[in-house]
mmCIF file of all heavy atoms, coordinates in Angstrom:
data_MODEL
# 
_entry.id   MODEL 
# 
loop_
_atom_site.group_PDB 
_atom_site.id 
_atom_site.type_symbol 
_atom_site.label_atom_id 
_atom_site.label_alt_id 
_atom_site.label_comp_id 
_atom_site.label_asym_id 
_atom_site.label_entity_id 
_atom_site.label_seq_id 
_atom_site.pdbx_PDB_ins_code 
_atom_site.Cartn_x 
_atom_site.Cartn_y 
_atom_site.Cartn_z 
_atom_site.occupancy 
_atom_site.B_iso_or_equiv 
_atom_site.pdbx_formal_charge 
_atom_site.auth_seq_id 
_atom_site.auth_comp_id 
_atom_site.auth_asym_id 
_atom_site.auth_atom_id 
_atom_site.pdbx_PDB_model_num 
ATOM 1   N N   . ALA A 1 1  ? -4.899  -47.116 2.512  1.00 0.00 ? 1  ALA A N   1 
ATOM 2   C CA  . ALA A 1 1  ? -5.562  -46.585 3.655  1.00 0.00 ? 1  ALA A CA  1 
ATOM 3   C C   . ALA A 1 1  ? -4.748  -46.004 4.728  1.00 0.00 ? 1  ALA A C   1 
ATOM 4   O O   . ALA A 1 1  ? -3.597  -46.421 4.883  1.00 0.00 ? 1  ALA A O   1 
ATOM 5   C CB  . ALA A 1 1  ? -6.427  -47.714 4.267  1.00 0.00 ? 1  ALA A CB  1 
ATOM 6   N N   . ASP A 1 2  ? -5.245  -44.977 5.445  1.00 0.00 ? 2  ASP A N   1 
ATOM 7   C CA  . ASP A 1 2  ? -4.555  -44.433 6.652  1.00 0.00 ? 2  ASP A CA  1 
ATOM 8   C C   . ASP A 1 2  ? -4.844  -45.242 7.884  1.00 0.00 ? 2  ASP A C   1 
ATOM 9   O O   . ASP A 1 2  ? -4.112  -45.256 8.841  1.00 0.00 ? 2  ASP A O   1 
ATOM 10  C CB  . ASP A 1 2  ? -4.929  -42.926 6.799  1.00 0.00 ? 2  ASP A CB  1 
ATOM 11  C CG  . ASP A 1 2  ? -4.518  -42.179 5.547  1.00 0.00 ? 2  ASP A CG  1 
ATOM 12  O OD1 . ASP A 1 2  ? -3.296  -41.943 5.280  1.00 0.00 ? 2  ASP A OD1 1 
ATOM 13  O OD2 . ASP A 1 2  ? -5.497  -41.679 4.779  1.00 0.00 ? 2  ASP A OD2 1 
ATOM 14  N N   . GLY A 1 3  ? -6.052  -45.742 7.871  1.00 0.00 ? 3  GLY A N   1 
ATOM 15  C CA  . GLY A 1 3  ? -6.496  -46.584 9.008  1.00 0.00 ? 3  GLY A CA  1 
ATOM 16  C C   . GLY A 1 3  ? -7.371  -47.827 8.546  1.00 0.00 ? 3  GLY A C   1 
ATOM 17  O O   . GLY A 1 3  ? -7.948  -47.710 7.422  1.00 0.00 ? 3  GLY A O   1 
ATOM 18  N N   . VAL A 1 4  ? -7.337  -48.836 9.324  1.00 0.00 ? 4  VAL A N   1 
ATOM 19  C CA  . VAL A 1 4  ? -8.140  -49.980 8.977  1.00 0.00 ? 4  VAL A CA  1 
ATOM 20  C C   . VAL A 1 4  ? -8.933  -50.476 10.159 1.00 0.00 ? 4  VAL A C   1 
ATOM 21  O O   . VAL A 1 4  ? -8.422  -50.509 11.299 1.00 0.00 ? 4  VAL A O   1 
ATOM 22  C CB  . VAL A 1 4  ? -7.225  -51.167 8.462  1.00 0.00 ? 4  VAL A CB  1 
ATOM 23  C CG1 . VAL A 1 4  ? -8.011  -52.435 8.103  1.00 0.00 ? 4  VAL A CG1 1 
ATOM 24  C CG2 . VAL A 1 4  ? -6.326  -50.730 7.331  1.00 0.00 ? 4  VAL A CG2 1 
ATOM 25  N N   . HIS A 1 5  ? -10.213 -50.820 9.941  1.00 0.00 ? 5  HIS A N   1 
ATOM 26  C CA  . HIS A 1 5  ? -11.102 -51.267 11.018 1.00 0.00 ? 5  HIS A CA  1 
ATOM 27  C C   . HIS A 1 5  ? -11.655 -52.588 10.574 1.00 0.00 ? 5  HIS A C   1 
ATOM 28  O O   . HIS A 1 5  ? -12.325 -52.708 9.532  1.00 0.00 ? 5  HIS A O   1 
ATOM 29  C CB  . HIS A 1 5  ? -12.250 -50.262 11.375 1.00 0.00 ? 5  HIS A CB  1 
ATOM 30  C CG  . HIS A 1 5  ? -13.138 -50.822 12.399 1.00 0.00 ? 5  HIS A CG  1 
ATOM 31  N ND1 . HIS A 1 5  ? -12.728 -51.192 13.635 1.00 0.00 ? 5  HIS A ND1 1 
ATOM 32  C CD2 . HIS A 1 5  ? -14.460 -51.157 12.255 1.00 0.00 ? 5  HIS A CD2 1 
ATOM 33  C CE1 . HIS A 1 5  ? -13.862 -51.633 14.266 1.00 0.00 ? 5  HIS A CE1 1 
ATOM 34  N NE2 . HIS A 1 5  ? -14.862 -51.671 13.518 1.00 0.00 ? 5  HIS A NE2 1 
ATOM 35  N N   . PHE A 1 6  ? -11.494 -53.630 11.419 1.00 0.00 ? 6  PHE A N   1 
ATOM 36  C CA  . PHE A 1 6  ? -12.050 -54.969 11.217 1.00 0.00 ? 6  PHE A CA  1 
ATOM 37  C C   . PHE A 1 6  ? -13.279 -55.113 11.993 1.00 0.00 ? 6  PHE A C   1 
ATOM 38  O O   . PHE A 1 6  ? -13.221 -55.178 13.282 1.00 0.00 ? 6  PHE A O   1 
ATOM 39  C CB  . PHE A 1 6  ? -11.008 -56.057 11.526 1.00 0.00 ? 6  PHE A CB  1 
ATOM 40  C CG  . PHE A 1 6  ? -9.789  -55.980 10.708 1.00 0.00 ? 6  PHE A CG  1 
ATOM 41  C CD1 . PHE A 1 6  ? -8.677  -55.340 11.009 1.00 0.00 ? 6  PHE A CD1 1 
ATOM 42  C CD2 . PHE A 1 6  ? -9.719  -56.698 9.462  1.00 0.00 ? 6  PHE A CD2 1 
ATOM 43  C CE1 . PHE A 1 6  ? -7.581  -55.223 10.241 1.00 0.00 ? 6  PHE A CE1 1 
ATOM 44  C CE2 . PHE A 1 6  ? -8.676  -56.700 8.667  1.00 0.00 ? 6  PHE A CE2 1 
ATOM 45  C CZ  . PHE A 1 6  ? -7.487  -55.906 9.041  1.00 0.00 ? 6  PHE A CZ  1 
ATOM 46  N N   . ARG A 1 7  ? -14.439 -55.286 11.396 1.00 0.00 ? 7  ARG A N   1 
ATOM 47  C CA  . ARG A 1 7  ? -15.706 -55.467 12.036 1.00 0.00 ? 7  ARG A CA  1 
ATOM 48  C C   . ARG A 1 7  ? -15.891 -56.889 12.632 1.00 0.00 ? 7  ARG A C   1 
ATOM 49  O O   . ARG A 1 7  ? -15.320 -57.858 12.052 1.00 0.00 ? 7  ARG A O   1 
ATOM 50  C CB  . ARG A 1 7  ? -16.860 -55.105 11.071 1.00 0.00 ? 7  ARG A CB  1 
ATOM 51  C CG  . ARG A 1 7  ? -18.126 -55.170 11.625 1.00 0.00 ? 7  ARG A CG  1 
ATOM 52  C CD  . ARG A 1 7  ? -18.602 -53.737 12.041 1.00 0.00 ? 7  ARG A CD  1 
ATOM 53  N NE  . ARG A 1 7  ? -19.966 -53.714 12.614 1.00 0.00 ? 7  ARG A NE  1 
ATOM 54  C CZ  . ARG A 1 7  ? -20.973 -53.061 12.028 1.00 0.00 ? 7  ARG A CZ  1 
ATOM 55  N NH1 . ARG A 1 7  ? -20.811 -52.471 10.811 1.00 0.00 ? 7  ARG A NH1 1 
ATOM 56  N NH2 . ARG A 1 7  ? -22.189 -53.100 12.532 1.00 0.00 ? 7  ARG A NH2 1 
ATOM 57  N N   . GLY A 1 8  ? -16.723 -57.061 13.567 1.00 0.00 ? 8  GLY A N   1 
ATOM 58  C CA  . GLY A 1 8  ? -16.902 -58.413 14.119 1.00 0.00 ? 8  GLY A CA  1 
ATOM 59  C C   . GLY A 1 8  ? -17.775 -59.358 13.260 1.00 0.00 ? 8  GLY A C   1 
ATOM 60  O O   . GLY A 1 8  ? -18.285 -58.964 12.212 1.00 0.00 ? 8  GLY A O   1 
ATOM 61  N N   . GLY A 1 9  ? -17.914 -60.493 13.804 1.00 0.00 ? 9  GLY A N   1 
ATOM 62  C CA  . GLY A 1 9  ? -18.756 -61.585 13.094 1.00 0.00 ? 9  GLY A CA  1 
ATOM 63  C C   . GLY A 1 9  ? -18.172 -62.922 13.324 1.00 0.00 ? 9  GLY A C   1 
ATOM 64  O O   . GLY A 1 9  ? -17.766 -63.199 14.466 1.00 0.00 ? 9  GLY A O   1 
ATOM 65  N N   . ASN A 1 10 ? -17.921 -63.631 12.333 1.00 0.00 ? 10 ASN A N   1 
ATOM 66  C CA  . ASN A 1 10 ? -17.323 -64.987 12.405 1.00 0.00 ? 10 ASN A CA  1 
ATOM 67  C C   . ASN A 1 10 ? -15.719 -64.895 12.444 1.00 0.00 ? 10 ASN A C   1 
ATOM 68  O O   . ASN A 1 10 ? -15.223 -64.717 11.340 1.00 0.00 ? 10 ASN A O   1 
ATOM 69  C CB  . ASN A 1 10 ? -17.865 -65.866 11.309 1.00 0.00 ? 10 ASN A CB  1 
ATOM 70  C CG  . ASN A 1 10 ? -17.426 -67.275 11.375 1.00 0.00 ? 10 ASN A CG  1 
ATOM 71  O OD1 . ASN A 1 10 ? -16.241 -67.596 11.616 1.00 0.00 ? 10 ASN A OD1 1 
ATOM 72  N ND2 . ASN A 1 10 ? -18.387 -68.189 11.068 1.00 0.00 ? 10 ASN A ND2 1 
ATOM 73  N N   . THR A 1 11 ? -15.178 -65.234 13.590 1.00 0.00 ? 11 THR A N   1 
ATOM 74  C CA  . THR A 1 11 ? -13.698 -65.093 13.659 1.00 0.00 ? 11 THR A CA  1 
ATOM 75  C C   . THR A 1 11 ? -13.041 -66.132 12.781 1.00 0.00 ? 11 THR A C   1 
ATOM 76  O O   . THR A 1 11 ? -12.000 -65.735 12.084 1.00 0.00 ? 11 THR A O   1 
ATOM 77  C CB  . THR A 1 11 ? -13.299 -65.329 15.145 1.00 0.00 ? 11 THR A CB  1 
ATOM 78  O OG1 . THR A 1 11 ? -13.933 -64.377 15.944 1.00 0.00 ? 11 THR A OG1 1 
ATOM 79  C CG2 . THR A 1 11 ? -11.762 -65.084 15.234 1.00 0.00 ? 11 THR A CG2 1 
ATOM 80  N N   . THR A 1 12 ? -13.527 -67.312 12.701 1.00 0.00 ? 12 THR A N   1 
ATOM 81  C CA  . THR A 1 12 ? -12.860 -68.363 11.894 1.00 0.00 ? 12 THR A CA  1 
ATOM 82  C C   . THR A 1 12 ? -12.834 -67.923 10.409 1.00 0.00 ? 12 THR A C   1 
ATOM 83  O O   . THR A 1 12 ? -11.833 -68.027 9.694  1.00 0.00 ? 12 THR A O   1 
ATOM 84  C CB  . THR A 1 12 ? -13.535 -69.692 12.043 1.00 0.00 ? 12 THR A CB  1 
ATOM 85  O OG1 . THR A 1 12 ? -13.496 -70.048 13.430 1.00 0.00 ? 12 THR A OG1 1 
ATOM 86  C CG2 . THR A 1 12 ? -12.978 -70.809 11.186 1.00 0.00 ? 12 THR A CG2 1 
ATOM 87  N N   . LYS A 1 13 ? -14.020 -67.389 9.984  1.00 0.00 ? 13 LYS A N   1 
ATOM 88  C CA  . LYS A 1 13 ? -14.091 -66.960 8.604  1.00 0.00 ? 13 LYS A CA  1 
ATOM 89  C C   . LYS A 1 13 ? -13.148 -65.799 8.309  1.00 0.00 ? 13 LYS A C   1 
ATOM 90  O O   . LYS A 1 13 ? -12.370 -65.762 7.370  1.00 0.00 ? 13 LYS A O   1 
ATOM 91  C CB  . LYS A 1 13 ? -15.532 -66.469 8.280  1.00 0.00 ? 13 LYS A CB  1 
ATOM 92  C CG  . LYS A 1 13 ? -15.801 -65.910 6.897  1.00 0.00 ? 13 LYS A CG  1 
ATOM 93  C CD  . LYS A 1 13 ? -17.213 -65.500 6.753  1.00 0.00 ? 13 LYS A CD  1 
ATOM 94  C CE  . LYS A 1 13 ? -17.434 -64.782 5.421  1.00 0.00 ? 13 LYS A CE  1 
ATOM 95  N NZ  . LYS A 1 13 ? -18.752 -64.214 5.303  1.00 0.00 ? 13 LYS A NZ  1 
ATOM 96  N N   . LEU A 1 14 ? -13.078 -64.804 9.223  1.00 0.00 ? 14 LEU A N   1 
ATOM 97  C CA  . LEU A 1 14 ? -12.231 -63.690 9.115  1.00 0.00 ? 14 LEU A CA  1 
ATOM 98  C C   . LEU A 1 14 ? -10.731 -64.162 9.081  1.00 0.00 ? 14 LEU A C   1 
ATOM 99  O O   . LEU A 1 14 ? -10.038 -63.731 8.073  1.00 0.00 ? 14 LEU A O   1 
ATOM 100 C CB  . LEU A 1 14 ? -12.447 -62.715 10.194 1.00 0.00 ? 14 LEU A CB  1 
ATOM 101 C CG  . LEU A 1 14 ? -11.484 -61.466 10.218 1.00 0.00 ? 14 LEU A CG  1 
ATOM 102 C CD1 . LEU A 1 14 ? -11.730 -60.595 9.006  1.00 0.00 ? 14 LEU A CD1 1 
ATOM 103 C CD2 . LEU A 1 14 ? -11.731 -60.639 11.504 1.00 0.00 ? 14 LEU A CD2 1 
ATOM 104 N N   . LEU A 1 15 ? -10.384 -64.997 10.004 1.00 0.00 ? 15 LEU A N   1 
ATOM 105 C CA  . LEU A 1 15 ? -8.899  -65.411 9.983  1.00 0.00 ? 15 LEU A CA  1 
ATOM 106 C C   . LEU A 1 15 ? -8.583  -66.168 8.706  1.00 0.00 ? 15 LEU A C   1 
ATOM 107 O O   . LEU A 1 15 ? -7.434  -66.041 8.211  1.00 0.00 ? 15 LEU A O   1 
ATOM 108 C CB  . LEU A 1 15 ? -8.654  -66.240 11.173 1.00 0.00 ? 15 LEU A CB  1 
ATOM 109 C CG  . LEU A 1 15 ? -8.489  -65.366 12.501 1.00 0.00 ? 15 LEU A CG  1 
ATOM 110 C CD1 . LEU A 1 15 ? -8.400  -66.312 13.736 1.00 0.00 ? 15 LEU A CD1 1 
ATOM 111 C CD2 . LEU A 1 15 ? -7.273  -64.472 12.453 1.00 0.00 ? 15 LEU A CD2 1 
ATOM 112 N N   . SER A 1 16 ? -9.454  -66.973 8.335  1.00 0.00 ? 16 SER A N   1 
ATOM 113 C CA  . SER A 1 16 ? -9.191  -67.765 7.061  1.00 0.00 ? 16 SER A CA  1 
ATOM 114 C C   . SER A 1 16 ? -9.014  -66.853 5.874  1.00 0.00 ? 16 SER A C   1 
ATOM 115 O O   . SER A 1 16 ? -8.061  -67.068 5.069  1.00 0.00 ? 16 SER A O   1 
ATOM 116 C CB  . SER A 1 16 ? -10.440 -68.700 6.757  1.00 0.00 ? 16 SER A CB  1 
ATOM 117 O OG  . SER A 1 16 ? -10.225 -69.371 5.533  1.00 0.00 ? 16 SER A OG  1 
ATOM 118 N N   . ILE A 1 17 ? -9.787  -65.798 5.800  1.00 0.00 ? 17 ILE A N   1 
ATOM 119 C CA  . ILE A 1 17 ? -9.561  -64.843 4.621  1.00 0.00 ? 17 ILE A CA  1 
ATOM 120 C C   . ILE A 1 17 ? -8.261  -64.042 4.783  1.00 0.00 ? 17 ILE A C   1 
ATOM 121 O O   . ILE A 1 17 ? -7.486  -64.024 3.855  1.00 0.00 ? 17 ILE A O   1 
ATOM 122 C CB  . ILE A 1 17 ? -10.809 -63.981 4.515  1.00 0.00 ? 17 ILE A CB  1 
ATOM 123 C CG1 . ILE A 1 17 ? -11.990 -64.689 4.082  1.00 0.00 ? 17 ILE A CG1 1 
ATOM 124 C CG2 . ILE A 1 17 ? -10.499 -62.752 3.529  1.00 0.00 ? 17 ILE A CG2 1 
ATOM 125 C CD1 . ILE A 1 17 ? -13.336 -63.917 4.243  1.00 0.00 ? 17 ILE A CD1 1 
ATOM 126 N N   . LEU A 1 18 ? -8.042  -63.600 6.016  1.00 0.00 ? 18 LEU A N   1 
ATOM 127 C CA  . LEU A 1 18 ? -6.864  -62.761 6.228  1.00 0.00 ? 18 LEU A CA  1 
ATOM 128 C C   . LEU A 1 18 ? -5.536  -63.559 6.066  1.00 0.00 ? 18 LEU A C   1 
ATOM 129 O O   . LEU A 1 18 ? -4.594  -62.900 5.602  1.00 0.00 ? 18 LEU A O   1 
ATOM 130 C CB  . LEU A 1 18 ? -6.917  -62.080 7.601  1.00 0.00 ? 18 LEU A CB  1 
ATOM 131 C CG  . LEU A 1 18 ? -8.048  -61.082 7.934  1.00 0.00 ? 18 LEU A CG  1 
ATOM 132 C CD1 . LEU A 1 18 ? -7.874  -60.525 9.302  1.00 0.00 ? 18 LEU A CD1 1 
ATOM 133 C CD2 . LEU A 1 18 ? -8.040  -59.992 6.847  1.00 0.00 ? 18 LEU A CD2 1 
ATOM 134 N N   . ARG A 1 19 ? -5.570  -64.762 6.435  1.00 0.00 ? 19 ARG A N   1 
ATOM 135 C CA  . ARG A 1 19 ? -4.360  -65.610 6.177  1.00 0.00 ? 19 ARG A CA  1 
ATOM 136 C C   . ARG A 1 19 ? -4.061  -65.866 4.749  1.00 0.00 ? 19 ARG A C   1 
ATOM 137 O O   . ARG A 1 19 ? -2.946  -66.364 4.401  1.00 0.00 ? 19 ARG A O   1 
ATOM 138 C CB  . ARG A 1 19 ? -4.496  -66.848 7.046  1.00 0.00 ? 19 ARG A CB  1 
ATOM 139 C CG  . ARG A 1 19 ? -4.330  -66.645 8.554  1.00 0.00 ? 19 ARG A CG  1 
ATOM 140 C CD  . ARG A 1 19 ? -4.189  -67.914 9.306  1.00 0.00 ? 19 ARG A CD  1 
ATOM 141 N NE  . ARG A 1 19 ? -3.946  -67.536 10.698 1.00 0.00 ? 19 ARG A NE  1 
ATOM 142 C CZ  . ARG A 1 19 ? -4.707  -67.864 11.737 1.00 0.00 ? 19 ARG A CZ  1 
ATOM 143 N NH1 . ARG A 1 19 ? -5.836  -68.505 11.552 1.00 0.00 ? 19 ARG A NH1 1 
ATOM 144 N NH2 . ARG A 1 19 ? -4.454  -67.444 12.957 1.00 0.00 ? 19 ARG A NH2 1 
ATOM 145 N N   . GLY A 1 20 ? -4.972  -65.566 3.811  1.00 0.00 ? 20 GLY A N   1 
ATOM 146 C CA  . GLY A 1 20 ? -4.719  -65.640 2.446  1.00 0.00 ? 20 GLY A CA  1 
ATOM 147 C C   . GLY A 1 20 ? -3.920  -64.516 1.930  1.00 0.00 ? 20 GLY A C   1 
ATOM 148 O O   . GLY A 1 20 ? -3.535  -64.563 0.762  1.00 0.00 ? 20 GLY A O   1 
ATOM 149 N N   . TYR A 1 21 ? -3.525  -63.588 2.718  1.00 0.00 ? 21 TYR A N   1 
ATOM 150 C CA  . TYR A 1 21 ? -2.730  -62.436 2.225  1.00 0.00 ? 21 TYR A CA  1 
ATOM 151 C C   . TYR A 1 21 ? -1.413  -62.448 3.055  1.00 0.00 ? 21 TYR A C   1 
ATOM 152 O O   . TYR A 1 21 ? -1.314  -61.861 4.153  1.00 0.00 ? 21 TYR A O   1 
ATOM 153 C CB  . TYR A 1 21 ? -3.453  -61.105 2.596  1.00 0.00 ? 21 TYR A CB  1 
ATOM 154 C CG  . TYR A 1 21 ? -4.776  -61.082 1.824  1.00 0.00 ? 21 TYR A CG  1 
ATOM 155 C CD1 . TYR A 1 21 ? -5.912  -61.296 2.495  1.00 0.00 ? 21 TYR A CD1 1 
ATOM 156 C CD2 . TYR A 1 21 ? -4.876  -60.730 0.382  1.00 0.00 ? 21 TYR A CD2 1 
ATOM 157 C CE1 . TYR A 1 21 ? -7.204  -61.254 1.896  1.00 0.00 ? 21 TYR A CE1 1 
ATOM 158 C CE2 . TYR A 1 21 ? -6.081  -60.663 -0.139 1.00 0.00 ? 21 TYR A CE2 1 
ATOM 159 C CZ  . TYR A 1 21 ? -7.287  -60.969 0.562  1.00 0.00 ? 21 TYR A CZ  1 
ATOM 160 O OH  . TYR A 1 21 ? -8.428  -60.952 -0.060 1.00 0.00 ? 21 TYR A OH  1 
ATOM 161 N N   . PRO A 1 22 ? -0.332  -63.120 2.583  1.00 0.00 ? 22 PRO A N   1 
ATOM 162 C CA  . PRO A 1 22 ? 0.888   -63.337 3.407  1.00 0.00 ? 22 PRO A CA  1 
ATOM 163 C C   . PRO A 1 22 ? 1.588   -62.071 3.784  1.00 0.00 ? 22 PRO A C   1 
ATOM 164 O O   . PRO A 1 22 ? 2.188   -61.957 4.855  1.00 0.00 ? 22 PRO A O   1 
ATOM 165 C CB  . PRO A 1 22 ? 1.749   -64.142 2.471  1.00 0.00 ? 22 PRO A CB  1 
ATOM 166 C CG  . PRO A 1 22 ? 0.914   -64.657 1.304  1.00 0.00 ? 22 PRO A CG  1 
ATOM 167 C CD  . PRO A 1 22 ? -0.351  -63.758 1.295  1.00 0.00 ? 22 PRO A CD  1 
ATOM 168 N N   . GLU A 1 23 ? 1.467   -60.946 3.045  1.00 0.00 ? 23 GLU A N   1 
ATOM 169 C CA  . GLU A 1 23 ? 2.199   -59.685 3.382  1.00 0.00 ? 23 GLU A CA  1 
ATOM 170 C C   . GLU A 1 23 ? 1.245   -58.803 4.276  1.00 0.00 ? 23 GLU A C   1 
ATOM 171 O O   . GLU A 1 23 ? 1.750   -57.717 4.613  1.00 0.00 ? 23 GLU A O   1 
ATOM 172 C CB  . GLU A 1 23 ? 2.511   -58.967 2.018  1.00 0.00 ? 23 GLU A CB  1 
ATOM 173 C CG  . GLU A 1 23 ? 1.376   -58.448 1.266  1.00 0.00 ? 23 GLU A CG  1 
ATOM 174 C CD  . GLU A 1 23 ? 0.731   -59.413 0.313  1.00 0.00 ? 23 GLU A CD  1 
ATOM 175 O OE1 . GLU A 1 23 ? 0.858   -60.744 0.402  1.00 0.00 ? 23 GLU A OE1 1 
ATOM 176 O OE2 . GLU A 1 23 ? -0.042  -58.973 -0.560 1.00 0.00 ? 23 GLU A OE2 1 
ATOM 177 N N   . LEU A 1 24 ? 0.065   -59.210 4.658  1.00 0.00 ? 24 LEU A N   1 
ATOM 178 C CA  . LEU A 1 24 ? -0.780  -58.364 5.403  1.00 0.00 ? 24 LEU A CA  1 
ATOM 179 C C   . LEU A 1 24 ? -0.222  -57.886 6.741  1.00 0.00 ? 24 LEU A C   1 
ATOM 180 O O   . LEU A 1 24 ? -0.285  -56.673 6.951  1.00 0.00 ? 24 LEU A O   1 
ATOM 181 C CB  . LEU A 1 24 ? -2.176  -59.120 5.674  1.00 0.00 ? 24 LEU A CB  1 
ATOM 182 C CG  . LEU A 1 24 ? -3.183  -58.278 6.532  1.00 0.00 ? 24 LEU A CG  1 
ATOM 183 C CD1 . LEU A 1 24 ? -3.642  -57.085 5.758  1.00 0.00 ? 24 LEU A CD1 1 
ATOM 184 C CD2 . LEU A 1 24 ? -4.376  -59.204 6.794  1.00 0.00 ? 24 LEU A CD2 1 
ATOM 185 N N   . VAL A 1 25 ? 0.344   -58.652 7.501  1.00 0.00 ? 25 VAL A N   1 
ATOM 186 C CA  . VAL A 1 25 ? 0.865   -58.244 8.813  1.00 0.00 ? 25 VAL A CA  1 
ATOM 187 C C   . VAL A 1 25 ? 1.925   -57.140 8.592  1.00 0.00 ? 25 VAL A C   1 
ATOM 188 O O   . VAL A 1 25 ? 1.891   -56.070 9.283  1.00 0.00 ? 25 VAL A O   1 
ATOM 189 C CB  . VAL A 1 25 ? 1.424   -59.441 9.643  1.00 0.00 ? 25 VAL A CB  1 
ATOM 190 C CG1 . VAL A 1 25 ? 2.162   -58.959 10.826 1.00 0.00 ? 25 VAL A CG1 1 
ATOM 191 C CG2 . VAL A 1 25 ? 0.263   -60.366 10.021 1.00 0.00 ? 25 VAL A CG2 1 
ATOM 192 N N   . THR A 1 26 ? 2.838   -57.334 7.757  1.00 0.00 ? 26 THR A N   1 
ATOM 193 C CA  . THR A 1 26 ? 3.839   -56.327 7.494  1.00 0.00 ? 26 THR A CA  1 
ATOM 194 C C   . THR A 1 26 ? 3.266   -54.900 6.980  1.00 0.00 ? 26 THR A C   1 
ATOM 195 O O   . THR A 1 26 ? 3.630   -53.944 7.523  1.00 0.00 ? 26 THR A O   1 
ATOM 196 C CB  . THR A 1 26 ? 4.862   -56.765 6.324  1.00 0.00 ? 26 THR A CB  1 
ATOM 197 O OG1 . THR A 1 26 ? 5.408   -58.060 6.838  1.00 0.00 ? 26 THR A OG1 1 
ATOM 198 C CG2 . THR A 1 26 ? 5.951   -55.842 6.145  1.00 0.00 ? 26 THR A CG2 1 
ATOM 199 N N   . VAL A 1 27 ? 2.324   -55.006 6.143  1.00 0.00 ? 27 VAL A N   1 
ATOM 200 C CA  . VAL A 1 27 ? 1.683   -53.810 5.651  1.00 0.00 ? 27 VAL A CA  1 
ATOM 201 C C   . VAL A 1 27 ? 0.855   -53.140 6.697  1.00 0.00 ? 27 VAL A C   1 
ATOM 202 O O   . VAL A 1 27 ? 0.839   -51.866 6.858  1.00 0.00 ? 27 VAL A O   1 
ATOM 203 C CB  . VAL A 1 27 ? 0.864   -54.074 4.347  1.00 0.00 ? 27 VAL A CB  1 
ATOM 204 C CG1 . VAL A 1 27 ? 0.047   -52.850 3.909  1.00 0.00 ? 27 VAL A CG1 1 
ATOM 205 C CG2 . VAL A 1 27 ? 1.661   -54.610 3.219  1.00 0.00 ? 27 VAL A CG2 1 
# 
């Protein structure tokens, strides 16, 4: 992707999923 947009909703759920991708912040 050239850009990424994270839509709202349940923050706890979103963070739990995103933390499952250790390289995400770097990418």
